[in-house]
N, C-alpha and C. Protein backbone atom coordinates (compact mmCIF):
# COMPACT_ATOMS: atom_id res chain seq x y z
N UNK A 1 -0.10 1.73 -31.93
CA UNK A 1 -0.18 0.28 -31.80
C UNK A 1 0.07 -0.12 -30.34
N UNK A 2 -0.76 -1.01 -29.85
CA UNK A 2 -0.63 -1.46 -28.45
C UNK A 2 0.54 -2.44 -28.32
N UNK A 3 1.16 -2.39 -27.18
CA UNK A 3 2.25 -3.32 -26.86
C UNK A 3 1.66 -4.69 -26.55
N UNK A 4 2.30 -5.75 -27.06
CA UNK A 4 1.85 -7.11 -26.75
C UNK A 4 2.22 -7.44 -25.31
N UNK A 5 1.34 -8.22 -24.67
CA UNK A 5 1.59 -8.59 -23.27
C UNK A 5 1.13 -10.02 -23.01
N UNK A 6 1.89 -10.69 -22.19
CA UNK A 6 1.50 -11.98 -21.62
C UNK A 6 1.34 -11.72 -20.13
N UNK A 7 0.15 -12.04 -19.60
CA UNK A 7 -0.10 -11.82 -18.18
C UNK A 7 0.41 -13.02 -17.39
N UNK A 8 1.15 -12.75 -16.34
CA UNK A 8 1.63 -13.79 -15.42
C UNK A 8 0.73 -13.73 -14.20
N UNK A 9 -0.01 -14.80 -13.99
CA UNK A 9 -1.07 -14.80 -12.99
C UNK A 9 -0.87 -15.88 -11.96
N UNK A 10 -1.25 -15.61 -10.74
CA UNK A 10 -1.21 -16.61 -9.68
C UNK A 10 -1.06 -15.91 -8.35
N UNK A 11 -1.28 -16.64 -7.27
CA UNK A 11 -1.19 -16.04 -5.93
C UNK A 11 0.23 -15.62 -5.60
N UNK A 12 0.39 -14.74 -4.62
CA UNK A 12 1.73 -14.34 -4.19
C UNK A 12 2.55 -15.57 -3.82
N UNK A 13 3.80 -15.60 -4.30
CA UNK A 13 4.69 -16.71 -3.96
C UNK A 13 4.60 -17.91 -4.87
N UNK A 14 3.78 -17.85 -5.92
CA UNK A 14 3.60 -19.03 -6.79
C UNK A 14 4.75 -19.22 -7.77
N UNK A 15 5.62 -18.22 -7.91
CA UNK A 15 6.76 -18.35 -8.82
C UNK A 15 6.62 -17.59 -10.12
N UNK A 16 5.59 -16.76 -10.25
CA UNK A 16 5.40 -16.04 -11.51
C UNK A 16 6.55 -15.08 -11.80
N UNK A 17 7.11 -14.45 -10.76
CA UNK A 17 8.25 -13.56 -10.96
C UNK A 17 9.48 -14.32 -11.43
N UNK A 18 9.72 -15.47 -10.82
CA UNK A 18 10.85 -16.31 -11.23
C UNK A 18 10.70 -16.73 -12.68
N UNK A 19 9.51 -17.17 -13.06
CA UNK A 19 9.28 -17.60 -14.44
C UNK A 19 9.36 -16.42 -15.41
N UNK A 20 8.87 -15.25 -14.98
CA UNK A 20 8.96 -14.06 -15.82
C UNK A 20 10.41 -13.69 -16.10
N UNK A 21 11.25 -13.76 -15.07
CA UNK A 21 12.67 -13.43 -15.25
C UNK A 21 13.35 -14.43 -16.18
N UNK A 22 13.02 -15.72 -16.02
CA UNK A 22 13.60 -16.73 -16.91
C UNK A 22 13.16 -16.53 -18.35
N UNK A 23 11.89 -16.27 -18.55
CA UNK A 23 11.37 -16.08 -19.90
C UNK A 23 11.93 -14.81 -20.54
N UNK A 24 12.21 -13.80 -19.73
CA UNK A 24 12.76 -12.54 -20.25
C UNK A 24 14.17 -12.70 -20.79
N UNK A 25 14.80 -13.85 -20.52
CA UNK A 25 16.12 -14.11 -21.11
C UNK A 25 16.00 -14.42 -22.60
N UNK A 26 14.79 -14.74 -23.05
CA UNK A 26 14.54 -14.98 -24.48
C UNK A 26 14.45 -13.64 -25.20
N UNK A 27 14.98 -13.54 -26.43
CA UNK A 27 14.89 -12.28 -27.17
C UNK A 27 13.43 -11.88 -27.41
N UNK A 28 13.15 -10.59 -27.27
CA UNK A 28 11.82 -10.07 -27.57
C UNK A 28 10.85 -10.10 -26.41
N UNK A 29 11.33 -10.46 -25.21
CA UNK A 29 10.48 -10.49 -24.02
C UNK A 29 11.08 -9.58 -22.94
N UNK A 30 10.20 -8.93 -22.19
CA UNK A 30 10.64 -8.07 -21.10
C UNK A 30 9.75 -8.32 -19.89
N UNK A 31 10.34 -8.71 -18.78
CA UNK A 31 9.59 -8.97 -17.55
C UNK A 31 9.34 -7.65 -16.83
N UNK A 32 8.07 -7.36 -16.57
CA UNK A 32 7.69 -6.14 -15.87
C UNK A 32 6.86 -6.53 -14.66
N UNK A 33 7.42 -6.33 -13.48
CA UNK A 33 6.75 -6.68 -12.22
C UNK A 33 6.27 -5.40 -11.54
N UNK A 34 4.96 -5.32 -11.28
CA UNK A 34 4.47 -4.14 -10.56
C UNK A 34 5.03 -4.12 -9.14
N UNK A 35 5.22 -5.29 -8.54
CA UNK A 35 5.80 -5.34 -7.19
C UNK A 35 7.21 -4.76 -7.17
N UNK A 36 8.03 -5.14 -8.17
CA UNK A 36 9.39 -4.59 -8.26
C UNK A 36 9.33 -3.08 -8.50
N UNK A 37 8.38 -2.66 -9.35
CA UNK A 37 8.22 -1.23 -9.63
C UNK A 37 7.89 -0.48 -8.34
N UNK A 38 6.94 -1.02 -7.58
CA UNK A 38 6.56 -0.36 -6.32
C UNK A 38 7.72 -0.34 -5.33
N UNK A 39 8.44 -1.47 -5.21
CA UNK A 39 9.54 -1.54 -4.24
C UNK A 39 10.69 -0.59 -4.61
N UNK A 40 10.81 -0.23 -5.91
CA UNK A 40 11.90 0.65 -6.33
C UNK A 40 11.60 2.13 -6.11
N UNK A 41 10.37 2.46 -5.74
CA UNK A 41 10.01 3.86 -5.52
C UNK A 41 10.73 4.41 -4.30
N UNK A 42 11.12 5.65 -4.38
CA UNK A 42 11.75 6.33 -3.25
C UNK A 42 10.68 6.61 -2.19
N UNK A 43 10.86 6.10 -0.98
CA UNK A 43 9.84 6.32 0.05
C UNK A 43 9.83 7.76 0.55
N UNK A 44 10.83 8.53 0.14
CA UNK A 44 10.86 9.95 0.53
C UNK A 44 9.90 10.79 -0.31
N UNK A 45 9.38 10.21 -1.41
CA UNK A 45 8.41 10.94 -2.23
C UNK A 45 7.00 10.64 -1.72
N UNK A 46 6.05 11.54 -1.96
CA UNK A 46 4.67 11.28 -1.52
C UNK A 46 4.09 10.00 -2.12
N UNK A 47 4.32 9.77 -3.41
CA UNK A 47 3.80 8.55 -4.04
C UNK A 47 4.46 7.31 -3.45
N UNK A 48 5.78 7.36 -3.28
CA UNK A 48 6.50 6.23 -2.71
C UNK A 48 6.05 5.89 -1.30
N UNK A 49 5.84 6.91 -0.48
CA UNK A 49 5.38 6.68 0.90
C UNK A 49 3.97 6.09 0.91
N UNK A 50 3.12 6.59 0.02
CA UNK A 50 1.74 6.09 -0.07
C UNK A 50 1.74 4.61 -0.49
N UNK A 51 2.53 4.29 -1.52
CA UNK A 51 2.60 2.91 -2.02
C UNK A 51 3.17 1.99 -0.95
N UNK A 52 4.22 2.41 -0.27
CA UNK A 52 4.83 1.58 0.78
C UNK A 52 3.82 1.25 1.87
N UNK A 53 2.97 2.21 2.22
CA UNK A 53 1.94 1.97 3.23
C UNK A 53 1.00 0.85 2.83
N UNK A 54 0.59 0.83 1.56
CA UNK A 54 -0.28 -0.24 1.08
C UNK A 54 0.46 -1.58 1.07
N UNK A 55 1.71 -1.56 0.58
CA UNK A 55 2.47 -2.81 0.47
C UNK A 55 2.77 -3.42 1.83
N UNK A 56 3.09 -2.59 2.81
CA UNK A 56 3.40 -3.10 4.14
C UNK A 56 2.22 -3.84 4.75
N UNK A 57 1.01 -3.46 4.37
CA UNK A 57 -0.20 -4.12 4.87
C UNK A 57 -0.70 -5.19 3.91
N UNK A 58 0.04 -5.38 2.79
CA UNK A 58 -0.35 -6.34 1.75
C UNK A 58 -1.72 -6.00 1.17
N UNK A 59 -1.98 -4.71 1.02
CA UNK A 59 -3.22 -4.25 0.40
C UNK A 59 -2.90 -3.82 -1.03
N UNK A 60 -3.94 -3.82 -1.88
CA UNK A 60 -3.73 -3.40 -3.26
C UNK A 60 -3.53 -1.89 -3.34
N UNK A 61 -2.55 -1.49 -4.13
CA UNK A 61 -2.34 -0.07 -4.40
C UNK A 61 -3.51 0.39 -5.28
N UNK A 62 -4.07 1.58 -5.04
CA UNK A 62 -5.22 2.04 -5.83
C UNK A 62 -4.97 1.98 -7.34
N UNK A 63 -6.03 1.65 -8.08
CA UNK A 63 -5.93 1.44 -9.53
C UNK A 63 -5.28 2.62 -10.25
N UNK A 64 -5.76 3.83 -9.96
CA UNK A 64 -5.26 5.00 -10.71
C UNK A 64 -3.77 5.22 -10.47
N UNK A 65 -3.29 4.96 -9.26
CA UNK A 65 -1.87 5.10 -8.95
C UNK A 65 -1.08 4.03 -9.70
N UNK A 66 -1.55 2.80 -9.63
CA UNK A 66 -0.87 1.68 -10.29
C UNK A 66 -0.74 1.91 -11.79
N UNK A 67 -1.86 2.19 -12.45
CA UNK A 67 -1.84 2.33 -13.91
C UNK A 67 -0.99 3.51 -14.36
N UNK A 68 -1.05 4.61 -13.63
CA UNK A 68 -0.23 5.77 -13.98
C UNK A 68 1.25 5.43 -13.87
N UNK A 69 1.63 4.76 -12.78
CA UNK A 69 3.03 4.38 -12.59
C UNK A 69 3.49 3.39 -13.65
N UNK A 70 2.63 2.44 -14.02
CA UNK A 70 2.99 1.45 -15.05
C UNK A 70 3.25 2.17 -16.37
N UNK A 71 2.34 3.04 -16.78
CA UNK A 71 2.52 3.78 -18.04
C UNK A 71 3.81 4.59 -18.02
N UNK A 72 4.04 5.32 -16.95
CA UNK A 72 5.24 6.16 -16.84
C UNK A 72 6.50 5.31 -16.87
N UNK A 73 6.49 4.21 -16.13
CA UNK A 73 7.69 3.37 -16.03
C UNK A 73 8.00 2.69 -17.35
N UNK A 74 7.00 2.13 -18.02
CA UNK A 74 7.24 1.49 -19.32
C UNK A 74 7.75 2.53 -20.32
N UNK A 75 7.13 3.71 -20.35
CA UNK A 75 7.60 4.78 -21.24
C UNK A 75 9.05 5.15 -20.97
N UNK A 76 9.40 5.23 -19.70
CA UNK A 76 10.78 5.56 -19.32
C UNK A 76 11.74 4.45 -19.74
N UNK A 77 11.34 3.18 -19.55
CA UNK A 77 12.20 2.05 -19.93
C UNK A 77 12.46 2.05 -21.44
N UNK A 78 11.44 2.37 -22.22
CA UNK A 78 11.61 2.42 -23.68
C UNK A 78 12.55 3.57 -24.04
N UNK A 79 12.35 4.73 -23.43
CA UNK A 79 13.22 5.90 -23.68
C UNK A 79 14.67 5.61 -23.32
N UNK A 80 14.87 4.92 -22.21
CA UNK A 80 16.22 4.62 -21.73
C UNK A 80 16.85 3.45 -22.48
N UNK A 81 16.07 2.77 -23.32
CA UNK A 81 16.60 1.63 -24.06
C UNK A 81 16.64 0.33 -23.27
N UNK A 82 16.00 0.31 -22.10
CA UNK A 82 15.97 -0.91 -21.29
C UNK A 82 15.05 -1.96 -21.91
N UNK A 83 14.06 -1.48 -22.66
CA UNK A 83 13.17 -2.38 -23.39
C UNK A 83 12.81 -1.72 -24.70
N UNK A 84 12.30 -2.53 -25.64
CA UNK A 84 11.88 -2.01 -26.95
C UNK A 84 10.36 -1.99 -26.99
N UNK A 85 9.83 -1.07 -27.78
CA UNK A 85 8.37 -1.01 -27.92
C UNK A 85 7.84 -2.26 -28.62
N UNK A 86 8.72 -2.99 -29.31
CA UNK A 86 8.31 -4.23 -29.98
C UNK A 86 8.37 -5.45 -29.06
N UNK A 87 8.95 -5.30 -27.87
CA UNK A 87 9.03 -6.41 -26.92
C UNK A 87 7.64 -6.82 -26.44
N UNK A 88 7.48 -8.10 -26.19
CA UNK A 88 6.28 -8.59 -25.50
C UNK A 88 6.54 -8.43 -24.01
N UNK A 89 5.63 -7.72 -23.34
CA UNK A 89 5.78 -7.50 -21.90
C UNK A 89 5.23 -8.71 -21.16
N UNK A 90 6.01 -9.24 -20.26
CA UNK A 90 5.57 -10.29 -19.35
C UNK A 90 5.08 -9.56 -18.11
N UNK A 91 3.78 -9.32 -18.06
CA UNK A 91 3.20 -8.45 -17.05
C UNK A 91 2.87 -9.24 -15.79
N UNK A 92 3.60 -8.95 -14.73
CA UNK A 92 3.54 -9.68 -13.47
C UNK A 92 2.92 -8.75 -12.41
N UNK A 93 1.68 -9.04 -12.01
CA UNK A 93 1.05 -8.25 -10.96
C UNK A 93 -0.03 -7.30 -11.43
N UNK A 94 -0.48 -7.46 -12.66
CA UNK A 94 -1.52 -6.60 -13.20
C UNK A 94 -2.25 -7.36 -14.29
N UNK A 95 -3.54 -7.29 -14.39
CA UNK A 95 -4.50 -6.61 -13.53
C UNK A 95 -4.72 -7.37 -12.23
N UNK A 96 -5.00 -6.63 -11.16
CA UNK A 96 -5.19 -7.20 -9.84
C UNK A 96 -6.66 -7.32 -9.46
N UNK A 97 -7.53 -6.62 -10.19
CA UNK A 97 -8.96 -6.71 -9.89
C UNK A 97 -9.74 -6.48 -11.18
N UNK A 98 -11.03 -6.70 -11.12
CA UNK A 98 -11.86 -6.61 -12.33
C UNK A 98 -11.86 -5.21 -12.92
N UNK A 99 -11.77 -4.18 -12.10
CA UNK A 99 -11.78 -2.80 -12.59
C UNK A 99 -10.54 -2.48 -13.42
N UNK A 100 -9.43 -3.17 -13.18
CA UNK A 100 -8.20 -2.91 -13.92
C UNK A 100 -8.16 -3.57 -15.29
N UNK A 101 -9.02 -4.55 -15.53
CA UNK A 101 -8.99 -5.30 -16.80
C UNK A 101 -9.17 -4.38 -18.01
N UNK A 102 -10.24 -3.55 -18.07
CA UNK A 102 -10.38 -2.70 -19.24
C UNK A 102 -9.24 -1.69 -19.39
N UNK A 103 -8.65 -1.27 -18.28
CA UNK A 103 -7.54 -0.33 -18.34
C UNK A 103 -6.31 -1.01 -18.94
N UNK A 104 -6.03 -2.23 -18.52
CA UNK A 104 -4.91 -2.99 -19.08
C UNK A 104 -5.17 -3.28 -20.56
N UNK A 105 -6.39 -3.69 -20.88
CA UNK A 105 -6.72 -4.01 -22.28
C UNK A 105 -6.63 -2.78 -23.18
N UNK A 106 -6.87 -1.59 -22.64
CA UNK A 106 -6.74 -0.36 -23.43
C UNK A 106 -5.28 -0.04 -23.74
N UNK A 107 -4.38 -0.46 -22.84
CA UNK A 107 -2.95 -0.17 -23.01
C UNK A 107 -2.21 -1.26 -23.78
N UNK A 108 -2.67 -2.51 -23.64
CA UNK A 108 -1.89 -3.64 -24.15
C UNK A 108 -2.76 -4.65 -24.88
N UNK A 109 -2.11 -5.37 -25.78
CA UNK A 109 -2.76 -6.46 -26.51
C UNK A 109 -2.38 -7.76 -25.79
N UNK A 110 -3.29 -8.26 -24.97
CA UNK A 110 -3.02 -9.46 -24.18
C UNK A 110 -3.12 -10.68 -25.10
N UNK A 111 -1.98 -11.37 -25.29
CA UNK A 111 -1.94 -12.51 -26.21
C UNK A 111 -2.03 -13.85 -25.49
N UNK A 112 -1.72 -13.88 -24.20
CA UNK A 112 -1.80 -15.12 -23.42
C UNK A 112 -1.80 -14.78 -21.94
N UNK A 113 -2.34 -15.71 -21.16
CA UNK A 113 -2.31 -15.59 -19.70
C UNK A 113 -1.75 -16.90 -19.16
N UNK A 114 -0.64 -16.80 -18.45
CA UNK A 114 -0.05 -17.97 -17.80
C UNK A 114 -0.50 -17.95 -16.35
N UNK A 115 -1.36 -18.91 -16.01
CA UNK A 115 -1.95 -18.98 -14.67
C UNK A 115 -1.20 -20.03 -13.87
N UNK A 116 -0.37 -19.58 -12.93
CA UNK A 116 0.43 -20.46 -12.08
C UNK A 116 -0.43 -20.88 -10.89
N UNK A 117 -0.97 -22.06 -10.98
CA UNK A 117 -1.94 -22.56 -10.01
C UNK A 117 -1.23 -23.27 -8.85
N UNK A 118 -1.72 -23.00 -7.66
CA UNK A 118 -1.20 -23.65 -6.45
C UNK A 118 -2.39 -24.29 -5.74
N UNK A 119 -2.47 -25.64 -5.76
CA UNK A 119 -3.63 -26.31 -5.17
C UNK A 119 -3.78 -26.11 -3.66
N UNK A 120 -2.67 -25.90 -2.96
CA UNK A 120 -2.71 -25.72 -1.50
C UNK A 120 -2.06 -24.38 -1.15
N UNK A 121 -2.87 -23.31 -1.09
CA UNK A 121 -2.32 -21.97 -0.86
C UNK A 121 -1.54 -21.82 0.45
N UNK A 122 -1.86 -22.65 1.44
CA UNK A 122 -1.15 -22.54 2.73
C UNK A 122 0.35 -22.82 2.57
N UNK A 123 0.74 -23.56 1.52
CA UNK A 123 2.16 -23.84 1.28
C UNK A 123 2.92 -22.57 0.89
N UNK A 124 2.19 -21.57 0.40
CA UNK A 124 2.82 -20.34 -0.06
C UNK A 124 3.38 -19.51 1.09
N UNK A 125 2.76 -19.59 2.26
CA UNK A 125 3.21 -18.78 3.40
C UNK A 125 4.65 -19.13 3.74
N UNK A 126 4.95 -20.42 3.85
CA UNK A 126 6.32 -20.87 4.13
C UNK A 126 7.28 -20.41 3.05
N UNK A 127 6.87 -20.63 1.80
CA UNK A 127 7.71 -20.27 0.66
C UNK A 127 8.05 -18.78 0.70
N UNK A 128 7.06 -17.95 1.01
CA UNK A 128 7.27 -16.50 0.98
C UNK A 128 8.07 -15.97 2.16
N UNK A 129 7.83 -16.51 3.35
CA UNK A 129 8.59 -16.03 4.51
C UNK A 129 10.06 -16.46 4.40
N UNK A 130 10.31 -17.63 3.83
CA UNK A 130 11.68 -18.08 3.58
C UNK A 130 12.35 -17.16 2.57
N UNK A 131 11.62 -16.83 1.49
CA UNK A 131 12.16 -15.92 0.47
C UNK A 131 12.46 -14.55 1.09
N UNK A 132 11.60 -14.09 1.98
CA UNK A 132 11.80 -12.77 2.61
C UNK A 132 13.12 -12.72 3.37
N UNK A 133 13.44 -13.82 4.05
CA UNK A 133 14.70 -13.87 4.80
C UNK A 133 15.89 -13.88 3.85
N UNK A 134 15.80 -14.66 2.76
CA UNK A 134 16.91 -14.77 1.82
C UNK A 134 17.13 -13.48 1.04
N UNK A 135 16.03 -12.84 0.61
CA UNK A 135 16.13 -11.67 -0.26
C UNK A 135 15.97 -10.35 0.47
N UNK A 136 15.71 -10.40 1.78
CA UNK A 136 15.54 -9.17 2.55
C UNK A 136 14.29 -8.39 2.19
N UNK A 137 13.24 -9.08 1.78
CA UNK A 137 11.99 -8.42 1.40
C UNK A 137 11.13 -8.22 2.64
N UNK A 138 11.03 -6.99 3.08
CA UNK A 138 10.31 -6.69 4.32
C UNK A 138 8.81 -6.93 4.18
N UNK A 139 8.28 -6.86 2.95
CA UNK A 139 6.83 -7.01 2.77
C UNK A 139 6.36 -8.46 2.94
N UNK A 140 7.28 -9.42 2.98
CA UNK A 140 6.90 -10.83 3.09
C UNK A 140 7.37 -11.50 4.39
N UNK A 141 7.83 -10.74 5.37
CA UNK A 141 8.38 -11.34 6.59
C UNK A 141 7.31 -11.83 7.56
N UNK A 142 6.19 -11.15 7.62
CA UNK A 142 5.14 -11.46 8.59
C UNK A 142 4.14 -12.45 7.99
N UNK A 143 4.03 -13.66 8.54
CA UNK A 143 3.10 -14.66 7.98
C UNK A 143 1.65 -14.19 7.91
N UNK A 144 1.20 -13.38 8.87
CA UNK A 144 -0.18 -12.88 8.84
C UNK A 144 -0.39 -11.93 7.66
N UNK A 145 0.61 -11.09 7.41
CA UNK A 145 0.52 -10.15 6.29
C UNK A 145 0.56 -10.92 4.97
N UNK A 146 1.41 -11.95 4.89
CA UNK A 146 1.49 -12.79 3.70
C UNK A 146 0.14 -13.46 3.44
N UNK A 147 -0.45 -14.01 4.49
CA UNK A 147 -1.76 -14.67 4.35
C UNK A 147 -2.81 -13.69 3.86
N UNK A 148 -2.74 -12.44 4.32
CA UNK A 148 -3.68 -11.40 3.87
C UNK A 148 -3.54 -11.19 2.36
N UNK A 149 -2.30 -11.14 1.86
CA UNK A 149 -2.07 -10.99 0.42
C UNK A 149 -2.65 -12.14 -0.37
N UNK A 150 -2.52 -13.34 0.16
CA UNK A 150 -3.06 -14.53 -0.50
C UNK A 150 -4.59 -14.47 -0.51
N UNK A 151 -5.18 -14.04 0.61
CA UNK A 151 -6.65 -13.91 0.68
C UNK A 151 -7.15 -12.89 -0.34
N UNK A 152 -6.46 -11.76 -0.45
CA UNK A 152 -6.87 -10.74 -1.43
C UNK A 152 -6.81 -11.32 -2.83
N UNK A 153 -5.79 -12.10 -3.11
CA UNK A 153 -5.69 -12.72 -4.43
C UNK A 153 -6.94 -13.56 -4.71
N UNK A 154 -7.31 -14.43 -3.78
CA UNK A 154 -8.45 -15.32 -4.01
C UNK A 154 -9.79 -14.57 -3.99
N UNK A 155 -9.87 -13.46 -3.23
CA UNK A 155 -11.11 -12.69 -3.18
C UNK A 155 -11.29 -11.78 -4.39
N UNK A 156 -10.21 -11.20 -4.90
CA UNK A 156 -10.32 -10.19 -5.94
C UNK A 156 -9.65 -10.56 -7.25
N UNK A 157 -8.41 -11.00 -7.17
CA UNK A 157 -7.60 -11.13 -8.38
C UNK A 157 -7.96 -12.35 -9.21
N UNK A 158 -8.22 -13.48 -8.58
CA UNK A 158 -8.50 -14.69 -9.35
C UNK A 158 -9.73 -14.52 -10.25
N UNK A 159 -10.67 -13.67 -9.84
CA UNK A 159 -11.88 -13.42 -10.63
C UNK A 159 -11.56 -12.82 -12.00
N UNK A 160 -10.42 -12.16 -12.10
CA UNK A 160 -10.01 -11.53 -13.35
C UNK A 160 -9.91 -12.56 -14.48
N UNK A 161 -9.48 -13.77 -14.16
CA UNK A 161 -9.32 -14.81 -15.18
C UNK A 161 -10.61 -15.05 -15.96
N UNK A 162 -11.74 -14.93 -15.30
CA UNK A 162 -13.03 -15.18 -15.95
C UNK A 162 -13.38 -14.12 -16.98
N UNK A 163 -12.70 -12.99 -16.95
CA UNK A 163 -12.98 -11.90 -17.88
C UNK A 163 -12.23 -12.03 -19.20
N UNK A 164 -11.38 -13.04 -19.31
CA UNK A 164 -10.63 -13.29 -20.53
C UNK A 164 -11.12 -14.58 -21.17
N UNK A 165 -11.04 -14.68 -22.50
CA UNK A 165 -11.47 -15.92 -23.16
C UNK A 165 -10.66 -17.12 -22.67
N UNK A 166 -11.33 -18.27 -22.54
CA UNK A 166 -10.66 -19.49 -22.07
C UNK A 166 -9.42 -19.83 -22.89
N UNK A 167 -9.45 -19.57 -24.18
CA UNK A 167 -8.33 -19.90 -25.05
C UNK A 167 -7.05 -19.14 -24.74
N UNK A 168 -7.16 -18.02 -24.04
CA UNK A 168 -5.98 -17.24 -23.67
C UNK A 168 -5.34 -17.75 -22.38
N UNK A 169 -6.13 -18.42 -21.54
CA UNK A 169 -5.67 -18.81 -20.20
C UNK A 169 -5.05 -20.21 -20.23
N UNK A 170 -3.81 -20.30 -19.78
CA UNK A 170 -3.08 -21.57 -19.73
C UNK A 170 -2.75 -21.88 -18.27
N UNK A 171 -3.37 -22.92 -17.72
CA UNK A 171 -3.14 -23.31 -16.33
C UNK A 171 -1.85 -24.11 -16.22
N UNK A 172 -1.02 -23.73 -15.26
CA UNK A 172 0.27 -24.40 -15.04
C UNK A 172 0.34 -24.78 -13.56
N UNK A 173 0.68 -26.04 -13.28
CA UNK A 173 0.87 -26.47 -11.90
C UNK A 173 2.18 -25.84 -11.40
N UNK A 174 2.08 -24.91 -10.46
CA UNK A 174 3.23 -24.15 -10.00
C UNK A 174 4.00 -24.83 -8.88
N UNK A 175 3.61 -26.04 -8.49
CA UNK A 175 4.27 -26.70 -7.37
C UNK A 175 5.44 -27.58 -7.81
N UNK A 176 5.71 -27.65 -9.10
CA UNK A 176 6.86 -28.41 -9.57
C UNK A 176 8.15 -27.63 -9.35
N UNK A 177 9.25 -28.22 -9.80
CA UNK A 177 10.54 -27.52 -9.69
C UNK A 177 10.53 -26.31 -10.63
N UNK A 178 11.44 -25.38 -10.40
CA UNK A 178 11.54 -24.20 -11.27
C UNK A 178 11.74 -24.64 -12.72
N UNK A 179 12.60 -25.64 -12.92
CA UNK A 179 12.90 -26.12 -14.27
C UNK A 179 11.67 -26.77 -14.92
N UNK A 180 10.95 -27.60 -14.17
CA UNK A 180 9.76 -28.25 -14.72
C UNK A 180 8.69 -27.23 -15.10
N UNK A 181 8.48 -26.26 -14.23
CA UNK A 181 7.49 -25.22 -14.52
C UNK A 181 7.93 -24.42 -15.74
N UNK A 182 9.21 -24.10 -15.82
CA UNK A 182 9.71 -23.32 -16.96
C UNK A 182 9.56 -24.10 -18.27
N UNK A 183 9.85 -25.39 -18.23
CA UNK A 183 9.67 -26.21 -19.44
C UNK A 183 8.21 -26.22 -19.88
N UNK A 184 7.29 -26.24 -18.93
CA UNK A 184 5.86 -26.17 -19.27
C UNK A 184 5.54 -24.84 -19.92
N UNK A 185 6.07 -23.75 -19.37
CA UNK A 185 5.86 -22.41 -19.94
C UNK A 185 6.37 -22.38 -21.38
N UNK A 186 7.58 -22.89 -21.60
CA UNK A 186 8.16 -22.88 -22.95
C UNK A 186 7.32 -23.69 -23.92
N UNK A 187 6.80 -24.83 -23.47
CA UNK A 187 5.93 -25.65 -24.34
C UNK A 187 4.67 -24.89 -24.72
N UNK A 188 4.06 -24.23 -23.73
CA UNK A 188 2.83 -23.47 -23.99
C UNK A 188 3.08 -22.36 -25.00
N UNK A 189 4.21 -21.66 -24.85
CA UNK A 189 4.53 -20.55 -25.75
C UNK A 189 5.23 -21.01 -27.02
N UNK A 190 5.40 -22.33 -27.15
CA UNK A 190 5.95 -22.97 -28.34
C UNK A 190 7.38 -22.54 -28.68
N UNK A 191 8.25 -22.62 -27.68
CA UNK A 191 9.67 -22.36 -27.90
C UNK A 191 10.33 -23.63 -28.37
């Protein structure tokens, strides 16, 4: 049986990780961020060094590496008791391109897509560089690199939404307060 998943979608810095963490406080939900997974890799390993190279340039990690790591990490989390196989995964950062959609669909039963929309993407650069200083995230310190990540999102990732039925996709204005956005998420998921 496939694991249920809700995809958290939107450009870098839109707040999908924040909302995923808040929603994961509800029983039966587990927030899984591919970015957090990548950042937790040991850079002394060949895979970790390879992934860090892509992240430092704000480029997408190759599909086969990403999907293999996701499968391994979720399996390990279930084994360690960090999550249950019955949990709905709040998948943050996957699929990133059209080629990953069938791979994600083969692994998971996508029940909803929360699309955190930002009408003015240029506002995200400030948001992300400020976050980088507060949280010590080296991948978001350089505004040019941040802008590159945003461009990749609009060139490759946003197209993924068209591959899912309209009824699964829920557009959320991500420019409100954290609380307002979260209340919208809860209404959509009928809490």
